[in-house]
Protein backbone atom coordinates (compact mmCIF):
# COMPACT_ATOMS: atom_id res chain seq x y z
CA UNK A 1 5.93 228.34 78.54
CA UNK A 2 8.84 226.19 80.27
CA UNK A 3 8.05 222.58 80.88
CA UNK A 4 9.78 220.86 83.74
CA UNK A 5 10.00 216.88 82.86
CA UNK A 6 12.23 216.40 85.97
CA UNK A 7 9.61 217.46 88.34
CA UNK A 8 7.15 214.74 86.41
CA UNK A 9 9.86 212.25 86.53
CA UNK A 10 10.14 212.90 90.25
CA UNK A 11 6.52 212.65 91.01
CA UNK A 12 6.12 209.36 89.29
CA UNK A 13 9.07 207.79 91.03
CA UNK A 14 7.57 208.90 94.32
CA UNK A 15 4.38 207.99 93.82
CA UNK A 16 5.49 204.63 92.39
CA UNK A 17 7.17 204.16 95.52
CA UNK A 18 4.14 204.89 97.62
CA UNK A 19 2.15 202.30 95.67
CA UNK A 20 4.86 199.94 95.44
CA UNK A 21 4.32 199.95 91.68
CA UNK A 22 7.00 198.70 89.05
CA UNK A 23 7.51 200.13 85.71
CA UNK A 24 5.72 197.30 84.16
CA UNK A 25 2.53 197.07 86.56
CA UNK A 26 2.28 200.88 86.00
CA UNK A 27 2.47 200.62 82.22
CA UNK A 28 -0.17 197.94 82.14
CA UNK A 29 -2.46 200.05 84.45
CA UNK A 30 -1.94 203.22 82.00
CA UNK A 31 -2.10 201.08 78.82
CA UNK A 32 1.31 202.29 77.76
CA UNK A 33 4.53 200.65 77.35
CA UNK A 34 7.31 200.09 80.20
CA UNK A 35 9.83 202.20 77.92
CA UNK A 36 7.26 205.23 78.06
CA UNK A 37 7.40 204.89 81.72
CA UNK A 38 11.15 205.11 82.21
CA UNK A 39 11.08 207.87 79.75
CA UNK A 40 8.81 209.90 81.62
CA UNK A 41 10.73 208.66 84.89
CA UNK A 42 13.93 209.61 83.68
CA UNK A 43 13.14 213.15 82.14
CA UNK A 44 13.79 211.63 78.12
CA UNK A 45 11.81 214.61 76.89
CA UNK A 46 9.92 213.42 73.36
CA UNK A 47 6.62 214.86 72.21
CA UNK A 48 4.25 213.05 74.14
CA UNK A 49 0.29 212.46 73.34
CA UNK A 50 -1.92 213.90 75.86
CA UNK A 51 -3.50 210.93 76.71
CA UNK A 52 -0.39 209.53 77.71
CA UNK A 53 0.07 211.93 80.75
CA UNK A 54 -3.58 211.52 81.62
CA UNK A 55 -3.70 207.88 81.40
CA UNK A 56 -0.49 207.70 83.84
CA UNK A 57 -1.89 210.24 86.26
CA UNK A 58 -4.99 208.29 86.54
CA UNK A 59 -3.09 204.92 86.84
CA UNK A 60 -1.16 206.51 89.77
CA UNK A 61 -4.56 207.53 91.62
CA UNK A 62 -4.26 211.21 90.61
CA UNK A 63 -6.36 213.79 88.97
CA UNK A 64 -6.20 213.16 85.02
CA UNK A 65 -4.63 216.74 84.66
CA UNK A 66 -2.23 215.96 87.62
CA UNK A 67 0.99 215.59 85.50
CA UNK A 68 0.30 218.04 82.78
CA UNK A 69 -0.10 220.53 85.77
CA UNK A 70 3.36 219.61 87.31
CA UNK A 71 4.86 219.86 83.86
CA UNK A 72 3.61 223.37 83.21
CA UNK A 73 4.43 224.50 86.80
CA UNK A 74 0.91 224.55 88.31
CA UNK A 75 -0.65 223.01 91.25
CA UNK A 76 -2.36 219.76 90.38
CA UNK A 77 -6.15 219.22 91.27
CA UNK A 78 -7.45 216.88 93.68
CA UNK A 79 -8.62 213.55 92.25
CA UNK A 80 -12.54 214.09 92.55
CA UNK A 81 -12.52 217.89 90.98
CA UNK A 82 -13.86 218.33 87.54
CA UNK A 83 -10.85 218.49 84.70
CA UNK A 84 -9.90 222.04 83.36
CA UNK A 85 -7.92 221.67 80.30
CA UNK A 86 -6.25 225.03 79.96
CA UNK A 87 -6.59 228.72 81.22
CA UNK A 88 -9.06 229.60 78.51
CA UNK A 89 -11.40 226.49 79.67
CA UNK A 90 -14.33 228.76 81.41
CA UNK A 91 -16.69 225.91 81.50
CA UNK A 92 -13.90 223.58 83.15
CA UNK A 93 -13.29 226.46 85.69
CA UNK A 94 -16.83 227.01 86.32
CA UNK A 95 -17.27 223.56 87.22
CA UNK A 96 -14.10 223.43 89.41
CA UNK A 97 -15.56 226.58 91.42
CA UNK A 98 -18.95 225.03 91.60
CA UNK A 99 -17.44 221.87 92.99
CA UNK A 100 -15.02 223.73 95.41
CA UNK A 101 -18.27 226.16 96.70
CA UNK A 102 -20.06 222.78 97.40
CA UNK A 103 -17.05 221.49 99.31
CA UNK A 104 -16.81 224.77 101.30
CA UNK A 105 -20.47 224.39 102.20
CA UNK A 106 -20.06 220.89 103.28
CA UNK A 107 -17.50 221.67 105.73
CA UNK A 108 -19.39 224.68 107.02
CA UNK A 109 -22.29 222.44 107.57
CA UNK A 110 -20.49 219.96 109.58
CA UNK A 111 -18.68 222.61 111.64
CA UNK A 112 -21.74 224.19 112.39
CA UNK A 113 -23.39 220.99 113.50
CA UNK A 114 -20.60 220.21 115.69
CA UNK A 115 -21.02 223.56 117.49
CA UNK A 116 -24.40 222.63 118.47
């Protein structure tokens, strides 16, 4: 599978602008170095610990798997959804499905109540 680090860097840049964060502030929030933030932003490809992308995702207010999803060309999850680690994570997928069904049920209840 091809990984697209430019998409990750662009997403980090855009979110940092939205939140008015510097690399130093984001690094502190994520407990990573400022140089790691720069490397991610500018697509400097190195082997990264899984916790780095998780920590940066969370520090930016995203789901912990957000940057991993972008890197792998997948659609990121909403921040309040349960984590799905990989395609074979059946328990994670089941938790996500239950969460999505509950959210749909809540929306349907609200629509039904508004029709009364």
